[in-house]
Amino acid sequence: MDVATSRIEVGVRDLKNNLSRYLERVRNGEDVIVTDHGRPVARLSPVDASTSGLAALIEAGLAQPPKSDRRALPKLITATGIVSDLVAEQRR
């Protein structure tokens, strides 16, 4: 059995009671499908930083990495009265 492609299903209660055991299986490459009353509702799968969505887009040439990690902060707004009065005025 190839662990990278194996998949198991687990109910919410069993997942809650044995979370550490299922997280260990996910660390080992398995997908865990979480079910609620027998219906699939979520998937736990291993995180691979090298195949993040942004990294994949950058590799495909569809996106560019940011030029810096810093964003410009928006200009601060100064209020000239009570904020609740300003909100009420905007609603009129």
C-alpha atoms as a PDB file:
ATOM      1  CA  MET A   1       0.000   0.000   0.000  1.00  0.00           C
ATOM      2  CA  ASP A   2       1.398   3.412  -0.971  1.00  0.00           C
ATOM      3  CA  VAL A   3       1.044   5.676   2.071  1.00  0.00           C
ATOM      4  CA  ALA A   4       1.148   8.856  -0.035  1.00  0.00           C
ATOM      5  CA  THR A   5      -2.075   7.864  -1.779  1.00  0.00           C
ATOM      6  CA  SER A   6      -3.854   6.146   1.115  1.00  0.00           C
ATOM      7  CA  ARG A   7      -6.980   7.671   2.522  1.00  0.00           C
ATOM      8  CA  ILE A   8      -9.121   6.884   5.532  1.00  0.00           C
ATOM      9  CA  GLU A   9     -12.501   8.112   6.727  1.00  0.00           C
ATOM     10  CA  VAL A  10     -13.202   8.997  10.335  1.00  0.00           C
ATOM     11  CA  GLY A  11     -16.269  10.302  12.153  1.00  0.00           C
ATOM     12  CA  VAL A  12     -16.153  13.595  14.036  1.00  0.00           C
ATOM     13  CA  ARG A  13     -16.445  11.939  17.459  1.00  0.00           C
ATOM     14  CA  ASP A  14     -13.667   9.435  16.746  1.00  0.00           C
ATOM     15  CA  LEU A  15     -11.462  12.220  15.360  1.00  0.00           C
ATOM     16  CA  LYS A  16     -12.032  14.317  18.481  1.00  0.00           C
ATOM     17  CA  ASN A  17     -11.266  11.419  20.812  1.00  0.00           C
ATOM     18  CA  ASN A  18      -8.144  10.288  18.897  1.00  0.00           C
ATOM     19  CA  LEU A  19      -6.889  13.498  17.293  1.00  0.00           C
ATOM     20  CA  SER A  20      -3.202  12.864  18.000  1.00  0.00           C
ATOM     21  CA  ARG A  21      -3.364   9.430  16.364  1.00  0.00           C
ATOM     22  CA  TYR A  22      -4.966  10.830  13.192  1.00  0.00           C
ATOM     23  CA  LEU A  23      -2.576  13.790  13.032  1.00  0.00           C
ATOM     24  CA  GLU A  24       0.313  11.326  13.139  1.00  0.00           C
ATOM     25  CA  ARG A  25      -1.197   9.471  10.174  1.00  0.00           C
ATOM     26  CA  VAL A  26      -1.512  12.783   8.296  1.00  0.00           C
ATOM     27  CA  ARG A  27       2.156  13.560   9.075  1.00  0.00           C
ATOM     28  CA  ASN A  28       2.992  10.204   7.495  1.00  0.00           C
ATOM     29  CA  GLY A  29       1.317  11.250   4.245  1.00  0.00           C
ATOM     30  CA  GLU A  30      -2.233   9.915   4.578  1.00  0.00           C
ATOM     31  CA  ASP A  31      -5.378  11.893   3.807  1.00  0.00           C
ATOM     32  CA  VAL A  32      -8.067  11.759   6.484  1.00  0.00           C
ATOM     33  CA  ILE A  33     -11.640  12.406   5.374  1.00  0.00           C
ATOM     34  CA  VAL A  34     -13.814  13.646   8.256  1.00  0.00           C
ATOM     35  CA  THR A  35     -17.437  12.546   8.156  1.00  0.00           C
ATOM     36  CA  ASP A  36     -20.488  13.828  10.008  1.00  0.00           C
ATOM     37  CA  HIS A  37     -23.273  11.239  10.161  1.00  0.00           C
ATOM     38  CA  GLY A  38     -21.572   9.359   7.329  1.00  0.00           C
ATOM     39  CA  ARG A  39     -21.307  12.375   4.999  1.00  0.00           C
ATOM     40  CA  PRO A  40     -17.834  13.742   4.148  1.00  0.00           C
ATOM     41  CA  VAL A  41     -17.407  17.305   5.465  1.00  0.00           C
ATOM     42  CA  ALA A  42     -13.648  17.951   5.582  1.00  0.00           C
ATOM     43  CA  ARG A  43     -10.262  16.631   4.536  1.00  0.00           C
ATOM     44  CA  LEU A  44      -7.069  16.637   6.577  1.00  0.00           C
ATOM     45  CA  SER A  45      -4.026  16.341   4.365  1.00  0.00           C
ATOM     46  CA  PRO A  46      -0.297  16.902   4.861  1.00  0.00           C
ATOM     47  CA  VAL A  47       0.984  20.428   4.353  1.00  0.00           C
ATOM     48  CA  ASP A  48       3.849  20.733   1.908  1.00  0.00           C
ATOM     49  CA  ALA A  49       5.298  24.238   1.982  1.00  0.00           C
ATOM     50  CA  SER A  50       7.027  23.778  -1.362  1.00  0.00           C
ATOM     51  CA  THR A  51       3.697  23.203  -3.138  1.00  0.00           C
ATOM     52  CA  SER A  52       1.738  26.084  -1.682  1.00  0.00           C
ATOM     53  CA  GLY A  53      -0.754  27.744  -3.998  1.00  0.00           C
ATOM     54  CA  LEU A  54       1.357  30.866  -4.404  1.00  0.00           C
ATOM     55  CA  ALA A  55       4.539  28.875  -4.997  1.00  0.00           C
ATOM     56  CA  ALA A  56       2.807  26.858  -7.717  1.00  0.00           C
ATOM     57  CA  LEU A  57       1.566  30.040  -9.441  1.00  0.00           C
ATOM     58  CA  ILE A  58       5.045  31.590  -9.293  1.00  0.00           C
ATOM     59  CA  GLU A  59       6.573  28.410 -10.759  1.00  0.00           C
ATOM     60  CA  ALA A  60       4.015  28.450 -13.586  1.00  0.00           C
ATOM     61  CA  GLY A  61       4.861  32.090 -14.344  1.00  0.00           C
ATOM     62  CA  LEU A  62       1.315  33.229 -13.525  1.00  0.00           C
ATOM     63  CA  ALA A  63       2.312  35.309 -10.494  1.00  0.00           C
ATOM     64  CA  GLN A  64       5.315  37.224  -9.249  1.00  0.00           C
ATOM     65  CA  PRO A  65       6.661  37.079  -5.715  1.00  0.00           C
ATOM     66  CA  PRO A  66       6.262  40.264  -3.666  1.00  0.00           C
ATOM     67  CA  LYS A  67       9.085  42.772  -3.979  1.00  0.00           C
ATOM     68  CA  SER A  68       9.097  43.295  -0.186  1.00  0.00           C
ATOM     69  CA  ASP A  69       7.312  41.970   2.863  1.00  0.00           C
ATOM     70  CA  ARG A  70       6.143  45.391   3.969  1.00  0.00           C
ATOM     71  CA  ARG A  71       2.857  46.960   2.995  1.00  0.00           C
ATOM     72  CA  ALA A  72       2.141  50.652   3.212  1.00  0.00           C
ATOM     73  CA  LEU A  73      -0.252  51.420   6.022  1.00  0.00           C
ATOM     74  CA  PRO A  74      -3.441  53.268   5.140  1.00  0.00           C
ATOM     75  CA  LYS A  75      -3.677  56.944   6.074  1.00  0.00           C
ATOM     76  CA  LEU A  76      -5.191  57.466   9.516  1.00  0.00           C
ATOM     77  CA  ILE A  77      -8.579  59.131   9.701  1.00  0.00           C
ATOM     78  CA  THR A  78      -9.132  61.662  12.452  1.00  0.00           C
ATOM     79  CA  ALA A  79     -12.643  62.034  13.815  1.00  0.00           C
ATOM     80  CA  THR A  80     -14.021  65.465  14.680  1.00  0.00           C
ATOM     81  CA  GLY A  81     -16.809  64.182  16.895  1.00  0.00           C
ATOM     82  CA  ILE A  82     -18.256  61.129  18.573  1.00  0.00           C
ATOM     83  CA  VAL A  83     -17.880  58.074  16.341  1.00  0.00           C
ATOM     84  CA  SER A  84     -21.462  56.877  16.926  1.00  0.00           C
ATOM     85  CA  ASP A  85     -22.748  60.303  15.777  1.00  0.00           C
ATOM     86  CA  LEU A  86     -20.615  60.078  12.632  1.00  0.00           C
ATOM     87  CA  VAL A  87     -21.970  56.585  11.868  1.00  0.00           C
ATOM     88  CA  ALA A  88     -25.546  57.739  12.402  1.00  0.00           C
ATOM     89  CA  GLU A  89     -24.931  60.700  10.086  1.00  0.00           C
ATOM     90  CA  GLN A  90     -23.536  58.397   7.361  1.00  0.00           C
ATOM     91  CA  ARG A  91     -26.662  56.208   7.567  1.00  0.00           C
ATOM     92  CA  ARG A  92     -29.013  59.088   6.784  1.00  0.00           C
END
